[in-house]
């Protein structure tokens, strides 16, 4: 799989979406929503810095195609992070 810009329709490529504290599964027949819990990296970014409030958070990285549809299977990875205050 390759990483490219949103809207670039190349075979086996797409762009990242970071899902923050999203528990519902994505519908593969609908574009990934764009809101504070579904961050789109449509410029082909492969890294980002995000600010989260203290507490436990679940992060999922999903590769979406040119139209923001998740690849099927999506290849999601999920991880819980305890972002405590220091």
Protein backbone atom coordinates (compact mmCIF):
# COMPACT_ATOMS: atom_id res chain seq x y z
CA UNK A 1 0.00 0.00 0.00
CA UNK A 2 1.18 3.50 -0.79
CA UNK A 3 0.38 6.89 0.72
CA UNK A 4 -0.83 9.69 -1.54
CA UNK A 5 -3.02 12.81 -1.49
CA UNK A 6 -6.79 12.63 -1.08
CA UNK A 7 -8.37 12.60 -4.51
CA UNK A 8 -5.36 10.92 -6.16
CA UNK A 9 -6.77 7.66 -7.46
CA UNK A 10 -3.72 5.38 -7.70
CA UNK A 11 -4.01 1.62 -7.32
CA UNK A 12 -3.26 0.30 -3.82
CA UNK A 13 -2.77 3.76 -2.33
CA UNK A 14 -4.63 6.19 -0.11
CA UNK A 15 -4.24 8.58 2.79
CA UNK A 16 -4.35 8.26 6.56
CA UNK A 17 -7.26 8.92 8.89
CA UNK A 18 -6.75 9.01 12.64
CA UNK A 19 -9.79 8.01 14.69
CA UNK A 20 -9.72 9.27 18.27
CA UNK A 21 -11.98 7.58 20.83
CA UNK A 22 -14.23 6.12 18.11
CA UNK A 23 -15.90 2.89 19.18
CA UNK A 24 -18.31 2.37 16.29
CA UNK A 25 -17.03 0.38 13.31
CA UNK A 26 -16.66 2.24 10.03
CA UNK A 27 -19.12 1.45 7.26
CA UNK A 28 -17.02 0.39 4.23
CA UNK A 29 -19.81 1.72 1.97
CA UNK A 30 -19.62 5.28 3.32
CA UNK A 31 -16.80 7.85 3.35
CA UNK A 32 -14.97 8.25 6.65
CA UNK A 33 -16.55 11.18 8.52
CA UNK A 34 -14.52 14.35 9.03
CA UNK A 35 -14.84 15.81 12.52
CA UNK A 36 -12.85 16.20 15.74
CA UNK A 37 -12.84 12.39 16.21
CA UNK A 38 -11.99 11.52 12.59
CA UNK A 39 -8.87 13.43 11.49
CA UNK A 40 -8.04 13.36 7.76
CA UNK A 41 -4.49 13.63 6.51
CA UNK A 42 -5.41 14.30 2.89
CA UNK A 43 -2.08 15.88 1.96
CA UNK A 44 -0.42 12.48 2.30
CA UNK A 45 1.08 13.20 5.73
CA UNK A 46 2.73 10.27 7.46
CA UNK A 47 3.26 12.00 10.81
CA UNK A 48 1.45 14.56 12.94
CA UNK A 49 1.41 16.03 16.39
CA UNK A 50 -1.94 16.09 18.16
CA UNK A 51 -2.96 17.45 21.54
CA UNK A 52 -5.22 15.28 23.71
CA UNK A 53 -6.67 16.07 27.11
CA UNK A 54 -5.38 13.99 30.04
CA UNK A 55 -6.94 10.54 30.33
CA UNK A 56 -7.22 7.28 28.43
CA UNK A 57 -7.69 7.50 24.65
CA UNK A 58 -8.12 4.96 21.88
CA UNK A 59 -6.38 5.74 18.59
CA UNK A 60 -7.02 3.95 15.30
CA UNK A 61 -5.12 4.55 12.07
CA UNK A 62 -7.17 3.79 8.95
CA UNK A 63 -6.07 4.04 5.33
CA UNK A 64 -8.76 5.51 3.10
CA UNK A 65 -8.93 5.67 -0.68
CA UNK A 66 -9.18 8.76 -2.91
CA UNK A 67 -12.84 9.23 -1.92
CA UNK A 68 -12.24 8.72 1.84
CA UNK A 69 -13.69 5.20 1.83
CA UNK A 70 -11.83 2.78 4.15
CA UNK A 71 -9.98 -0.01 2.43
CA UNK A 72 -11.65 -3.38 2.99
CA UNK A 73 -10.23 -4.85 5.06
CA UNK A 74 -9.30 -1.51 6.54
CA UNK A 75 -6.07 -2.66 8.13
CA UNK A 76 -6.98 -0.74 11.26
CA UNK A 77 -4.58 -0.69 14.14
CA UNK A 78 -5.82 0.36 17.53
CA UNK A 79 -4.09 1.19 20.75
CA UNK A 80 -5.11 2.58 24.11
CA UNK A 81 -3.01 5.40 25.48
CA UNK A 82 -3.12 6.77 29.00
CA UNK A 83 -2.29 10.42 28.52
CA UNK A 84 -1.85 11.46 32.15
CA UNK A 85 -1.00 14.88 33.47
CA UNK A 86 2.60 15.56 34.41
